[in-house]
Amino acid sequence: MEDKLTDDKIRKIIWGLNLRRDKLQKKLSYPKGMIEGCLHVIYKKCGNPNCKCAKGKKHGPYWALSKKEDGRRKLTYLDKIDDINRVKEYQRYNKRLASIRKISEKIFYWLKILRDRYTFSYEK
């Protein structure tokens, strides 16, 4: 497919990818307050045989933060909406980082195609 694309079309693809990467980079350059970890929603049983949870409807939802400490997973319950939002912001930040990496890989791919089109072997 890339053989059918003109050099100008490839340059436009690279230009568009650069615009997307620049936009993400600007967002990442001004991070908000974040809390590291994974967010989980938990429903629990209390153990009281007369409670509604004994019949199937569990208590919750409870928000919890999962984080690795000293080689083990630690679960901490969150009760403030600000803390929950900070964990979500951490997850959004990491997704944007991954997007920048993927976009950079695509740019690298297209630049190599352009390079190879203009590379010739030297022989005497």
PDB file of N, CA and C in Angstrom:
ATOM      1  N   MET A   1       0.815  -1.199   0.000  1.00  0.00           N
ATOM      2  CA  MET A   1       0.000   0.000   0.000  1.00  0.00           C
ATOM      3  C   MET A   1       0.856   1.258   0.000  1.00  0.00           C
ATOM      4  N   GLU A   2       1.918   1.254   0.833  1.00  0.00           N
ATOM      5  CA  GLU A   2       2.749   2.457   0.893  1.00  0.00           C
ATOM      6  C   GLU A   2       3.482   2.730  -0.413  1.00  0.00           C
ATOM      7  N   ASP A   3       3.611   1.686  -1.277  1.00  0.00           N
ATOM      8  CA  ASP A   3       4.233   1.884  -2.579  1.00  0.00           C
ATOM      9  C   ASP A   3       3.385   2.777  -3.472  1.00  0.00           C
ATOM     10  N   LYS A   4       2.063   2.758  -3.254  1.00  0.00           N
ATOM     11  CA  LYS A   4       1.153   3.540  -4.083  1.00  0.00           C
ATOM     12  C   LYS A   4       1.042   4.991  -3.616  1.00  0.00           C
ATOM     13  N   LEU A   5       1.469   5.263  -2.391  1.00  0.00           N
ATOM     14  CA  LEU A   5       1.380   6.630  -1.866  1.00  0.00           C
ATOM     15  C   LEU A   5       2.523   7.482  -2.390  1.00  0.00           C
ATOM     16  N   THR A   6       2.201   8.699  -2.760  1.00  0.00           N
ATOM     17  CA  THR A   6       3.243   9.627  -3.190  1.00  0.00           C
ATOM     18  C   THR A   6       3.985  10.140  -1.966  1.00  0.00           C
ATOM     19  N   ASP A   7       5.149  10.706  -2.197  1.00  0.00           N
ATOM     20  CA  ASP A   7       5.925  11.289  -1.099  1.00  0.00           C
ATOM     21  C   ASP A   7       5.129  12.380  -0.389  1.00  0.00           C
ATOM     22  N   ASP A   8       4.406  13.182  -1.158  1.00  0.00           N
ATOM     23  CA  ASP A   8       3.605  14.258  -0.552  1.00  0.00           C
ATOM     24  C   ASP A   8       2.504  13.701   0.350  1.00  0.00           C
ATOM     25  N   LYS A   9       1.883  12.597  -0.060  1.00  0.00           N
ATOM     26  CA  LYS A   9       0.838  11.991   0.788  1.00  0.00           C
ATOM     27  C   LYS A   9       1.443  11.468   2.087  1.00  0.00           C
ATOM     28  N   ILE A  10       2.613  10.872   1.979  1.00  0.00           N
ATOM     29  CA  ILE A  10       3.296  10.387   3.189  1.00  0.00           C
ATOM     30  C   ILE A  10       3.644  11.560   4.102  1.00  0.00           C
ATOM     31  N   ARG A  11       4.115  12.656   3.520  1.00  0.00           N
ATOM     32  CA  ARG A  11       4.434  13.843   4.324  1.00  0.00           C
ATOM     33  C   ARG A  11       3.188  14.391   5.016  1.00  0.00           C
ATOM     34  N   LYS A  12       2.038  14.346   4.333  1.00  0.00           N
ATOM     35  CA  LYS A  12       0.783  14.800   4.950  1.00  0.00           C
ATOM     36  C   LYS A  12       0.379  13.888   6.105  1.00  0.00           C
ATOM     37  N   ILE A  13       0.594  12.593   5.928  1.00  0.00           N
ATOM     38  CA  ILE A  13       0.305  11.655   7.017  1.00  0.00           C
ATOM     39  C   ILE A  13       1.176  11.984   8.226  1.00  0.00           C
ATOM     40  N   ILE A  14       2.460  12.184   7.988  1.00  0.00           N
ATOM     41  CA  ILE A  14       3.400  12.515   9.072  1.00  0.00           C
ATOM     42  C   ILE A  14       3.005  13.832   9.724  1.00  0.00           C
ATOM     43  N   TRP A  15       2.636  14.816   8.915  1.00  0.00           N
ATOM     44  CA  TRP A  15       2.230  16.121   9.441  1.00  0.00           C
ATOM     45  C   TRP A  15       1.014  15.972  10.364  1.00  0.00           C
ATOM     46  N   GLY A  16       0.010  15.204   9.921  1.00  0.00           N
ATOM     47  CA  GLY A  16      -1.192  14.976  10.735  1.00  0.00           C
ATOM     48  C   GLY A  16      -0.877  14.257  12.042  1.00  0.00           C
ATOM     49  N   LEU A  17       0.007  13.259  11.957  1.00  0.00           N
ATOM     50  CA  LEU A  17       0.415  12.544  13.167  1.00  0.00           C
ATOM     51  C   LEU A  17       1.137  13.483  14.132  1.00  0.00           C
ATOM     52  N   ASN A  18       1.976  14.360  13.587  1.00  0.00           N
ATOM     53  CA  ASN A  18       2.683  15.334  14.435  1.00  0.00           C
ATOM     54  C   ASN A  18       1.713  16.271  15.142  1.00  0.00           C
ATOM     55  N   LEU A  19       0.662  16.690  14.432  1.00  0.00           N
ATOM     56  CA  LEU A  19      -0.347  17.553  15.061  1.00  0.00           C
ATOM     57  C   LEU A  19      -1.011  16.849  16.242  1.00  0.00           C
ATOM     58  N   ARG A  20      -1.388  15.583  16.031  1.00  0.00           N
ATOM     59  CA  ARG A  20      -2.006  14.811  17.118  1.00  0.00           C
ATOM     60  C   ARG A  20      -1.045  14.646  18.291  1.00  0.00           C
ATOM     61  N   ARG A  21       0.220  14.360  17.986  1.00  0.00           N
ATOM     62  CA  ARG A  21       1.214  14.170  19.043  1.00  0.00           C
ATOM     63  C   ARG A  21       1.449  15.471  19.795  1.00  0.00           C
ATOM     64  N   ASP A  22       1.530  16.593  19.082  1.00  0.00           N
ATOM     65  CA  ASP A  22       1.738  17.890  19.732  1.00  0.00           C
ATOM     66  C   ASP A  22       0.589  18.242  20.678  1.00  0.00           C
ATOM     67  N   LYS A  23      -0.630  17.956  20.235  1.00  0.00           N
ATOM     68  CA  LYS A  23      -1.806  18.239  21.065  1.00  0.00           C
ATOM     69  C   LYS A  23      -1.753  17.427  22.368  1.00  0.00           C
ATOM     70  N   LEU A  24      -1.420  16.154  22.251  1.00  0.00           N
ATOM     71  CA  LEU A  24      -1.295  15.310  23.443  1.00  0.00           C
ATOM     72  C   LEU A  24      -0.147  15.769  24.338  1.00  0.00           C
ATOM     73  N   GLN A  25       0.947  16.148  23.711  1.00  0.00           N
ATOM     74  CA  GLN A  25       2.120  16.590  24.462  1.00  0.00           C
ATOM     75  C   GLN A  25       1.814  17.842  25.277  1.00  0.00           C
ATOM     76  N   LYS A  26       1.038  18.760  24.718  1.00  0.00           N
ATOM     77  CA  LYS A  26       0.656  19.968  25.457  1.00  0.00           C
ATOM     78  C   LYS A  26      -0.176  19.616  26.676  1.00  0.00           C
ATOM     79  N   LYS A  27      -1.114  18.667  26.510  1.00  0.00           N
ATOM     80  CA  LYS A  27      -1.929  18.241  27.645  1.00  0.00           C
ATOM     81  C   LYS A  27      -1.062  17.606  28.731  1.00  0.00           C
ATOM     82  N   LEU A  28      -0.087  16.817  28.322  1.00  0.00           N
ATOM     83  CA  LEU A  28       0.774  16.131  29.288  1.00  0.00           C
ATOM     84  C   LEU A  28       1.768  17.074  29.962  1.00  0.00           C
ATOM     85  N   SER A  29       2.037  18.195  29.336  1.00  0.00           N
ATOM     86  CA  SER A  29       3.008  19.145  29.900  1.00  0.00           C
ATOM     87  C   SER A  29       2.472  19.899  31.108  1.00  0.00           C
ATOM     88  N   TYR A  30       1.166  19.885  31.282  1.00  0.00           N
ATOM     89  CA  TYR A  30       0.545  20.580  32.412  1.00  0.00           C
ATOM     90  C   TYR A  30      -0.334  19.596  33.195  1.00  0.00           C
ATOM     91  N   PRO A  31       0.309  18.653  33.893  1.00  0.00           N
ATOM     92  CA  PRO A  31      -0.482  17.641  34.591  1.00  0.00           C
ATOM     93  C   PRO A  31      -1.240  18.219  35.785  1.00  0.00           C
ATOM     94  N   LYS A  32      -2.368  17.589  36.076  1.00  0.00           N
ATOM     95  CA  LYS A  32      -3.145  17.924  37.265  1.00  0.00           C
ATOM     96  C   LYS A  32      -2.661  17.028  38.393  1.00  0.00           C
ATOM     97  N   GLY A  33      -3.148  17.275  39.604  1.00  0.00           N
ATOM     98  CA  GLY A  33      -2.794  16.420  40.721  1.00  0.00           C
ATOM     99  C   GLY A  33      -3.285  15.005  40.473  1.00  0.00           C
ATOM    100  N   MET A  34      -2.427  14.021  40.721  1.00  0.00           N
ATOM    101  CA  MET A  34      -2.767  12.634  40.429  1.00  0.00           C
ATOM    102  C   MET A  34      -2.408  11.745  41.610  1.00  0.00           C
ATOM    103  N   ILE A  35      -3.092  10.621  41.687  1.00  0.00           N
ATOM    104  CA  ILE A  35      -2.767   9.578  42.653  1.00  0.00           C
ATOM    105  C   ILE A  35      -2.486   8.312  41.858  1.00  0.00           C
ATOM    106  N   GLU A  36      -1.324   7.714  42.105  1.00  0.00           N
ATOM    107  CA  GLU A  36      -0.905   6.523  41.367  1.00  0.00           C
ATOM    108  C   GLU A  36      -1.669   5.292  41.851  1.00  0.00           C
ATOM    109  N   GLY A  37      -2.093   4.467  40.901  1.00  0.00           N
ATOM    110  CA  GLY A  37      -2.740   3.212  41.230  1.00  0.00           C
ATOM    111  C   GLY A  37      -3.897   2.910  40.307  1.00  0.00           C
ATOM    112  N   CYS A  38      -4.536   1.774  40.554  1.00  0.00           N
ATOM    113  CA  CYS A  38      -5.696   1.339  39.778  1.00  0.00           C
ATOM    114  C   CYS A  38      -6.955   1.506  40.617  1.00  0.00           C
ATOM    115  N   LEU A  39      -8.003   1.939  39.974  1.00  0.00           N
ATOM    116  CA  LEU A  39      -9.266   2.177  40.653  1.00  0.00           C
ATOM    117  C   LEU A  39     -10.173   0.958  40.489  1.00  0.00           C
ATOM    118  N   HIS A  40     -10.801   0.549  41.592  1.00  0.00           N
ATOM    119  CA  HIS A  40     -11.704  -0.602  41.570  1.00  0.00           C
ATOM    120  C   HIS A  40     -13.010  -0.235  42.257  1.00  0.00           C
ATOM    121  N   VAL A  41     -14.090  -0.815  41.776  1.00  0.00           N
ATOM    122  CA  VAL A  41     -15.397  -0.697  42.425  1.00  0.00           C
ATOM    123  C   VAL A  41     -15.669  -2.036  43.098  1.00  0.00           C
ATOM    124  N   ILE A  42     -15.981  -1.973  44.391  1.00  0.00           N
ATOM    125  CA  ILE A  42     -16.141  -3.199  45.176  1.00  0.00           C
ATOM    126  C   ILE A  42     -17.530  -3.254  45.806  1.00  0.00           C
ATOM    127  N   TYR A  43     -18.125  -4.434  45.746  1.00  0.00           N
ATOM    128  CA  TYR A  43     -19.374  -4.733  46.437  1.00  0.00           C
ATOM    129  C   TYR A  43     -19.067  -5.860  47.422  1.00  0.00           C
ATOM    130  N   LYS A  44     -19.577  -5.744  48.660  1.00  0.00           N
ATOM    131  CA  LYS A  44     -19.212  -6.710  49.696  1.00  0.00           C
ATOM    132  C   LYS A  44     -20.428  -7.258  50.440  1.00  0.00           C
ATOM    133  N   LYS A  45     -20.203  -8.402  51.082  1.00  0.00           N
ATOM    134  CA  LYS A  45     -21.166  -8.973  52.024  1.00  0.00           C
ATOM    135  C   LYS A  45     -20.668  -8.642  53.434  1.00  0.00           C
ATOM    136  N   CYS A  46     -21.597  -8.347  54.325  1.00  0.00           N
ATOM    137  CA  CYS A  46     -21.204  -7.975  55.685  1.00  0.00           C
ATOM    138  C   CYS A  46     -21.100  -9.173  56.634  1.00  0.00           C
ATOM    139  N   GLY A  47     -21.735 -10.278  56.283  1.00  0.00           N
ATOM    140  CA  GLY A  47     -21.669 -11.459  57.141  1.00  0.00           C
ATOM    141  C   GLY A  47     -22.878 -11.645  58.045  1.00  0.00           C
ATOM    142  N   ASN A  48     -23.728 -10.644  58.144  1.00  0.00           N
ATOM    143  CA  ASN A  48     -24.937 -10.754  58.956  1.00  0.00           C
ATOM    144  C   ASN A  48     -25.951 -11.617  58.194  1.00  0.00           C
ATOM    145  N   PRO A  49     -26.375 -12.749  58.777  1.00  0.00           N
ATOM    146  CA  PRO A  49     -27.297 -13.633  58.050  1.00  0.00           C
ATOM    147  C   PRO A  49     -28.676 -13.020  57.800  1.00  0.00           C
ATOM    148  N   ASN A  50     -29.059 -11.974  58.544  1.00  0.00           N
ATOM    149  CA  ASN A  50     -30.363 -11.332  58.362  1.00  0.00           C
ATOM    150  C   ASN A  50     -30.306 -10.138  57.402  1.00  0.00           C
ATOM    151  N   CYS A  51     -29.160  -9.848  56.899  1.00  0.00           N
ATOM    152  CA  CYS A  51     -28.971  -8.673  56.032  1.00  0.00           C
ATOM    153  C   CYS A  51     -29.370  -9.005  54.591  1.00  0.00           C
ATOM    154  N   LYS A  52     -29.674  -7.949  53.831  1.00  0.00           N
ATOM    155  CA  LYS A  52     -30.035  -8.123  52.411  1.00  0.00           C
ATOM    156  C   LYS A  52     -28.889  -8.722  51.602  1.00  0.00           C
ATOM    157  N   CYS A  53     -27.651  -8.520  52.063  1.00  0.00           N
ATOM    158  CA  CYS A  53     -26.513  -9.042  51.304  1.00  0.00           C
ATOM    159  C   CYS A  53     -26.423 -10.562  51.401  1.00  0.00           C
ATOM    160  N   ALA A  54     -27.019 -11.136  52.421  1.00  0.00           N
ATOM    161  CA  ALA A  54     -27.032 -12.595  52.544  1.00  0.00           C
ATOM    162  C   ALA A  54     -27.920 -13.225  51.473  1.00  0.00           C
ATOM    163  N   LYS A  55     -28.859 -12.449  50.969  1.00  0.00           N
ATOM    164  CA  LYS A  55     -29.778 -12.943  49.932  1.00  0.00           C
ATOM    165  C   LYS A  55     -29.316 -12.555  48.520  1.00  0.00           C
ATOM    166  N   GLY A  56     -28.183 -11.863  48.409  1.00  0.00           N
ATOM    167  CA  GLY A  56     -27.641 -11.574  47.083  1.00  0.00           C
ATOM    168  C   GLY A  56     -27.310 -10.122  46.797  1.00  0.00           C
ATOM    169  N   LYS A  57     -28.049  -9.146  47.344  1.00  0.00           N
ATOM    170  CA  LYS A  57     -27.771  -7.727  47.056  1.00  0.00           C
ATOM    171  C   LYS A  57     -26.675  -7.240  47.993  1.00  0.00           C
ATOM    172  N   LYS A  58     -25.470  -7.102  47.447  1.00  0.00           N
ATOM    173  CA  LYS A  58     -24.308  -6.737  48.260  1.00  0.00           C
ATOM    174  C   LYS A  58     -24.277  -5.244  48.570  1.00  0.00           C
ATOM    175  N   HIS A  59     -23.480  -4.893  49.579  1.00  0.00           N
ATOM    176  CA  HIS A  59     -23.280  -3.492  49.961  1.00  0.00           C
ATOM    177  C   HIS A  59     -22.293  -2.845  48.984  1.00  0.00           C
ATOM    178  N   GLY A  60     -22.516  -1.581  48.696  1.00  0.00           N
ATOM    179  CA  GLY A  60     -21.607  -0.879  47.813  1.00  0.00           C
ATOM    180  C   GLY A  60     -22.375   0.005  46.863  1.00  0.00           C
ATOM    181  N   PRO A  61     -21.751   0.601  45.938  1.00  0.00           N
ATOM    182  CA  PRO A  61     -20.349   0.400  45.565  1.00  0.00           C
ATOM    183  C   PRO A  61     -19.381   1.160  46.475  1.00  0.00           C
ATOM    184  N   TYR A  62     -18.229   0.558  46.681  1.00  0.00           N
ATOM    185  CA  TYR A  62     -17.127   1.199  47.394  1.00  0.00           C
ATOM    186  C   TYR A  62     -15.980   1.362  46.401  1.00  0.00           C
ATOM    187  N   TRP A  63     -15.333   2.503  46.450  1.00  0.00           N
ATOM    188  CA  TRP A  63     -14.185   2.765  45.581  1.00  0.00           C
ATOM    189  C   TRP A  63     -12.917   2.385  46.329  1.00  0.00           C
ATOM    190  N   ALA A  64     -12.007   1.712  45.624  1.00  0.00           N
ATOM    191  CA  ALA A  64     -10.757   1.305  46.249  1.00  0.00           C
ATOM    192  C   ALA A  64      -9.597   1.555  45.292  1.00  0.00           C
ATOM    193  N   LEU A  65      -8.461   1.848  45.878  1.00  0.00           N
ATOM    194  CA  LEU A  65      -7.221   2.079  45.137  1.00  0.00           C
ATOM    195  C   LEU A  65      -6.332   0.861  45.328  1.00  0.00           C
ATOM    196  N   SER A  66      -5.871   0.314  44.224  1.00  0.00           N
ATOM    197  CA  SER A  66      -4.969  -0.824  44.262  1.00  0.00           C
ATOM    198  C   SER A  66      -3.587  -0.340  43.834  1.00  0.00           C
ATOM    199  N   LYS A  67      -2.589  -0.648  44.672  1.00  0.00           N
ATOM    200  CA  LYS A  67      -1.226  -0.196  44.386  1.00  0.00           C
ATOM    201  C   LYS A  67      -0.247  -1.222  44.903  1.00  0.00           C
ATOM    202  N   LYS A  68       0.844  -1.419  44.166  1.00  0.00           N
ATOM    203  CA  LYS A  68       1.861  -2.374  44.571  1.00  0.00           C
ATOM    204  C   LYS A  68       2.852  -1.691  45.515  1.00  0.00           C
ATOM    205  N   GLU A  69       3.022  -2.288  46.694  1.00  0.00           N
ATOM    206  CA  GLU A  69       3.985  -1.785  47.671  1.00  0.00           C
ATOM    207  C   GLU A  69       4.753  -2.964  48.247  1.00  0.00           C
ATOM    208  N   ASP A  70       6.068  -2.865  48.253  1.00  0.00           N
ATOM    209  CA  ASP A  70       6.937  -3.924  48.780  1.00  0.00           C
ATOM    210  C   ASP A  70       6.636  -5.271  48.126  1.00  0.00           C
ATOM    211  N   GLY A  71       6.349  -5.266  46.841  1.00  0.00           N
ATOM    212  CA  GLY A  71       6.103  -6.488  46.100  1.00  0.00           C
ATOM    213  C   GLY A  71       4.723  -7.098  46.293  1.00  0.00           C
ATOM    214  N   ARG A  72       3.869  -6.436  47.045  1.00  0.00           N
ATOM    215  CA  ARG A  72       2.524  -6.951  47.294  1.00  0.00           C
ATOM    216  C   ARG A  72       1.491  -5.913  46.900  1.00  0.00           C
ATOM    217  N   ARG A  73       0.299  -6.382  46.539  1.00  0.00           N
ATOM    218  CA  ARG A  73      -0.821  -5.492  46.208  1.00  0.00           C
ATOM    219  C   ARG A  73      -1.463  -4.993  47.489  1.00  0.00           C
ATOM    220  N   LYS A  74      -1.653  -3.687  47.557  1.00  0.00           N
ATOM    221  CA  LYS A  74      -2.317  -3.085  48.713  1.00  0.00           C
ATOM    222  C   LYS A  74      -3.597  -2.424  48.227  1.00  0.00           C
ATOM    223  N   LEU A  75      -4.692  -2.667  48.939  1.00  0.00           N
ATOM    224  CA  LEU A  75      -5.996  -2.103  48.594  1.00  0.00           C
ATOM    225  C   LEU A  75      -6.372  -1.082  49.660  1.00  0.00           C
ATOM    226  N   THR A  76      -6.658   0.139  49.226  1.00  0.00           N
ATOM    227  CA  THR A  76      -7.041   1.218  50.134  1.00  0.00           C
ATOM    228  C   THR A  76      -8.377   1.768  49.678  1.00  0.00           C
ATOM    229  N   TYR A  77      -9.323   1.847  50.602  1.00  0.00           N
ATOM    230  CA  TYR A  77     -10.638   2.386  50.261  1.00  0.00           C
ATOM    231  C   TYR A  77     -10.571   3.904  50.176  1.00  0.00           C
ATOM    232  N   LEU A  78     -11.262   4.447  49.173  1.00  0.00           N
ATOM    233  CA  LEU A  78     -11.297   5.892  48.958  1.00  0.00           C
ATOM    234  C   LEU A  78     -12.690   6.403  49.305  1.00  0.00           C
ATOM    235  N   ASP A  79     -12.733   7.497  50.057  1.00  0.00           N
ATOM    236  CA  ASP A  79     -14.049   8.034  50.411  1.00  0.00           C
ATOM    237  C   ASP A  79     -14.265   9.453  49.896  1.00  0.00           C
ATOM    238  N   LYS A  80     -13.237  10.068  49.346  1.00  0.00           N
ATOM    239  CA  LYS A  80     -13.371  11.436  48.828  1.00  0.00           C
ATOM    240  C   LYS A  80     -13.421  11.401  47.300  1.00  0.00           C
ATOM    241  N   ILE A  81     -14.379  12.124  46.748  1.00  0.00           N
ATOM    242  CA  ILE A  81     -14.532  12.178  45.292  1.00  0.00           C
ATOM    243  C   ILE A  81     -13.286  12.793  44.642  1.00  0.00           C
ATOM    244  N   ASP A  82     -12.615  13.722  45.324  1.00  0.00           N
ATOM    245  CA  ASP A  82     -11.388  14.324  44.785  1.00  0.00           C
ATOM    246  C   ASP A  82     -10.295  13.271  44.607  1.00  0.00           C
ATOM    247  N   ASP A  83     -10.189  12.361  45.567  1.00  0.00           N
ATOM    248  CA  ASP A  83      -9.182  11.300  45.453  1.00  0.00           C
ATOM    249  C   ASP A  83      -9.507  10.360  44.296  1.00  0.00           C
ATOM    250  N   ILE A  84     -10.779  10.040  44.135  1.00  0.00           N
ATOM    251  CA  ILE A  84     -11.201   9.178  43.024  1.00  0.00           C
ATOM    252  C   ILE A  84     -10.873   9.853  41.691  1.00  0.00           C
ATOM    253  N   ASN A  85     -11.152  11.138  41.600  1.00  0.00           N
ATOM    254  CA  ASN A  85     -10.855  11.887  40.368  1.00  0.00           C
ATOM    255  C   ASN A  85      -9.361  11.967  40.095  1.00  0.00           C
ATOM    256  N   ARG A  86      -8.554  12.036  41.145  1.00  0.00           N
ATOM    257  CA  ARG A  86      -7.092  12.080  40.952  1.00  0.00           C
ATOM    258  C   ARG A  86      -6.552  10.747  40.431  1.00  0.00           C
ATOM    259  N   VAL A  87      -7.145   9.652  40.873  1.00  0.00           N
ATOM    260  CA  VAL A  87      -6.747   8.342  40.343  1.00  0.00           C
ATOM    261  C   VAL A  87      -7.161   8.237  38.882  1.00  0.00           C
ATOM    262  N   LYS A  88      -8.364   8.709  38.553  1.00  0.00           N
ATOM    263  CA  LYS A  88      -8.822   8.704  37.160  1.00  0.00           C
ATOM    264  C   LYS A  88      -7.911   9.563  36.283  1.00  0.00           C
ATOM    265  N   GLU A  89      -7.458  10.688  36.817  1.00  0.00           N
ATOM    266  CA  GLU A  89      -6.547  11.559  36.070  1.00  0.00           C
ATOM    267  C   GLU A  89      -5.219  10.852  35.799  1.00  0.00           C
ATOM    268  N   TYR A  90      -4.740  10.089  36.765  1.00  0.00           N
ATOM    269  CA  TYR A  90      -3.508   9.300  36.592  1.00  0.00           C
ATOM    270  C   TYR A  90      -3.689   8.296  35.453  1.00  0.00           C
ATOM    271  N   GLN A  91      -4.843   7.645  35.400  1.00  0.00           N
ATOM    272  CA  GLN A  91      -5.117   6.669  34.344  1.00  0.00           C
ATOM    273  C   GLN A  91      -5.214   7.345  32.976  1.00  0.00           C
ATOM    274  N   ARG A  92      -5.865   8.519  32.915  1.00  0.00           N
ATOM    275  CA  ARG A  92      -5.945   9.278  31.647  1.00  0.00           C
ATOM    276  C   ARG A  92      -4.549   9.703  31.186  1.00  0.00           C
ATOM    277  N   TYR A  93      -3.729  10.145  32.124  1.00  0.00           N
ATOM    278  CA  TYR A  93      -2.372  10.580  31.799  1.00  0.00           C
ATOM    279  C   TYR A  93      -1.579   9.431  31.161  1.00  0.00           C
ATOM    280  N   ASN A  94      -1.671   8.249  31.763  1.00  0.00           N
ATOM    281  CA  ASN A  94      -0.941   7.094  31.239  1.00  0.00           C
ATOM    282  C   ASN A  94      -1.455   6.668  29.868  1.00  0.00           C
ATOM    283  N   LYS A  95      -2.757   6.785  29.631  1.00  0.00           N
ATOM    284  CA  LYS A  95      -3.302   6.470  28.306  1.00  0.00           C
ATOM    285  C   LYS A  95      -2.770   7.443  27.263  1.00  0.00           C
ATOM    286  N   ARG A  96      -2.673   8.707  27.637  1.00  0.00           N
ATOM    287  CA  ARG A  96      -2.126   9.705  26.701  1.00  0.00           C
ATOM    288  C   ARG A  96      -0.647   9.435  26.416  1.00  0.00           C
ATOM    289  N   LEU A  97       0.094   9.018  27.432  1.00  0.00           N
ATOM    290  CA  LEU A  97       1.504   8.656  27.217  1.00  0.00           C
ATOM    291  C   LEU A  97       1.617   7.511  26.212  1.00  0.00           C
ATOM    292  N   ALA A  98       0.763   6.503  26.376  1.00  0.00           N
ATOM    293  CA  ALA A  98       0.774   5.363  25.456  1.00  0.00           C
ATOM    294  C   ALA A  98       0.406   5.811  24.042  1.00  0.00           C
ATOM    295  N   SER A  99      -0.529   6.746  23.924  1.00  0.00           N
ATOM    296  CA  SER A  99      -0.926   7.255  22.601  1.00  0.00           C
ATOM    297  C   SER A  99       0.219   7.981  21.931  1.00  0.00           C
ATOM    298  N   ILE A 100       0.962   8.762  22.699  1.00  0.00           N
ATOM    299  CA  ILE A 100       2.120   9.467  22.131  1.00  0.00           C
ATOM    300  C   ILE A 100       3.148   8.465  21.609  1.00  0.00           C
ATOM    301  N   ARG A 101       3.379   7.397  22.366  1.00  0.00           N
ATOM    302  CA  ARG A 101       4.336   6.388  21.930  1.00  0.00           C
ATOM    303  C   ARG A 101       3.878   5.739  20.622  1.00  0.00           C
ATOM    304  N   LYS A 102       2.599   5.403  20.510  1.00  0.00           N
ATOM    305  CA  LYS A 102       2.081   4.765  19.299  1.00  0.00           C
ATOM    306  C   LYS A 102       2.168   5.704  18.102  1.00  0.00           C
ATOM    307  N   ILE A 103       1.842   6.968  18.325  1.00  0.00           N
ATOM    308  CA  ILE A 103       1.929   7.950  17.238  1.00  0.00           C
ATOM    309  C   ILE A 103       3.373   8.103  16.788  1.00  0.00           C
ATOM    310  N   SER A 104       4.305   8.160  17.732  1.00  0.00           N
ATOM    311  CA  SER A 104       5.729   8.281  17.391  1.00  0.00           C
ATOM    312  C   SER A 104       6.207   7.077  16.587  1.00  0.00           C
ATOM    313  N   GLU A 105       5.709   5.893  16.942  1.00  0.00           N
ATOM    314  CA  GLU A 105       6.076   4.693  16.178  1.00  0.00           C
ATOM    315  C   GLU A 105       5.563   4.778  14.746  1.00  0.00           C
ATOM    316  N   LYS A 106       4.370   5.317  14.554  1.00  0.00           N
ATOM    317  CA  LYS A 106       3.820   5.478  13.203  1.00  0.00           C
ATOM    318  C   LYS A 106       4.639   6.489  12.410  1.00  0.00           C
ATOM    319  N   ILE A 107       5.020   7.593  13.046  1.00  0.00           N
ATOM    320  CA  ILE A 107       5.849   8.597  12.374  1.00  0.00           C
ATOM    321  C   ILE A 107       7.174   7.966  11.951  1.00  0.00           C
ATOM    322  N   PHE A 108       7.776   7.205  12.864  1.00  0.00           N
ATOM    323  CA  PHE A 108       9.040   6.526  12.579  1.00  0.00           C
ATOM    324  C   PHE A 108       8.883   5.593  11.378  1.00  0.00           C
ATOM    325  N   TYR A 109       7.780   4.855  11.324  1.00  0.00           N
ATOM    326  CA  TYR A 109       7.501   3.936  10.225  1.00  0.00           C
ATOM    327  C   TYR A 109       7.468   4.679   8.886  1.00  0.00           C
ATOM    328  N   TRP A 110       6.710   5.778   8.828  1.00  0.00           N
ATOM    329  CA  TRP A 110       6.580   6.521   7.575  1.00  0.00           C
ATOM    330  C   TRP A 110       7.878   7.212   7.180  1.00  0.00           C
ATOM    331  N   LEU A 111       8.632   7.693   8.150  1.00  0.00           N
ATOM    332  CA  LEU A 111       9.925   8.308   7.844  1.00  0.00           C
ATOM    333  C   LEU A 111      10.905   7.278   7.274  1.00  0.00           C
ATOM    334  N   LYS A 112      10.860   6.060   7.768  1.00  0.00           N
ATOM    335  CA  LYS A 112      11.730   5.010   7.223  1.00  0.00           C
ATOM    336  C   LYS A 112      11.358   4.697   5.775  1.00  0.00           C
ATOM    337  N   ILE A 113      10.077   4.729   5.470  1.00  0.00           N
ATOM    338  CA  ILE A 113       9.657   4.485   4.080  1.00  0.00           C
ATOM    339  C   ILE A 113      10.207   5.582   3.173  1.00  0.00           C
ATOM    340  N   LEU A 114      10.089   6.840   3.629  1.00  0.00           N
ATOM    341  CA  LEU A 114      10.666   7.934   2.828  1.00  0.00           C
ATOM    342  C   LEU A 114      12.175   7.768   2.673  1.00  0.00           C
ATOM    343  N   ARG A 115      12.850   7.413   3.764  1.00  0.00           N
ATOM    344  CA  ARG A 115      14.296   7.208   3.699  1.00  0.00           C
ATOM    345  C   ARG A 115      14.650   6.142   2.684  1.00  0.00           C
ATOM    346  N   ASP A 116      13.931   5.024   2.737  1.00  0.00           N
ATOM    347  CA  ASP A 116      14.256   3.906   1.850  1.00  0.00           C
ATOM    348  C   ASP A 116      14.013   4.235   0.381  1.00  0.00           C
ATOM    349  N   ARG A 117      13.076   5.104   0.114  1.00  0.00           N
ATOM    350  CA  ARG A 117      12.828   5.516  -1.278  1.00  0.00           C
ATOM    351  C   ARG A 117      14.000   6.300  -1.864  1.00  0.00           C
ATOM    352  N   TYR A 118      14.748   6.950  -1.011  1.00  0.00           N
ATOM    353  CA  TYR A 118      15.851   7.791  -1.486  1.00  0.00           C
ATOM    354  C   TYR A 118      17.221   7.217  -1.150  1.00  0.00           C
ATOM    355  N   THR A 119      17.262   5.963  -0.766  1.00  0.00           N
ATOM    356  CA  THR A 119      18.519   5.300  -0.431  1.00  0.00           C
ATOM    357  C   THR A 119      18.906   4.344  -1.546  1.00  0.00           C
ATOM    358  N   PHE A 120      20.120   4.484  -2.005  1.00  0.00           N
ATOM    359  CA  PHE A 120      20.628   3.626  -3.071  1.00  0.00           C
ATOM    360  C   PHE A 120      21.938   3.016  -2.622  1.00  0.00           C
ATOM    361  N   SER A 121      22.262   1.847  -3.154  1.00  0.00           N
ATOM    362  CA  SER A 121      23.547   1.255  -2.811  1.00  0.00           C
ATOM    363  C   SER A 121      24.635   1.857  -3.690  1.00  0.00           C
ATOM    364  N   TYR A 122      25.807   1.978  -3.109  1.00  0.00           N
ATOM    365  CA  TYR A 122      26.941   2.581  -3.802  1.00  0.00           C
ATOM    366  C   TYR A 122      27.828   1.478  -4.361  1.00  0.00           C
ATOM    367  N   GLU A 123      28.108   1.560  -5.642  1.00  0.00           N
ATOM    368  CA  GLU A 123      29.005   0.599  -6.276  1.00  0.00           C
ATOM    369  C   GLU A 123      29.914   1.325  -7.241  1.00  0.00           C
ATOM    370  N   LYS A 124      31.163   0.877  -7.319  1.00  0.00           N
ATOM    371  CA  LYS A 124      32.132   1.438  -8.270  1.00  0.00           C
ATOM    372  C   LYS A 124      32.227   0.587  -9.477  1.00  0.00           C
TER     373      LYS A 124
END
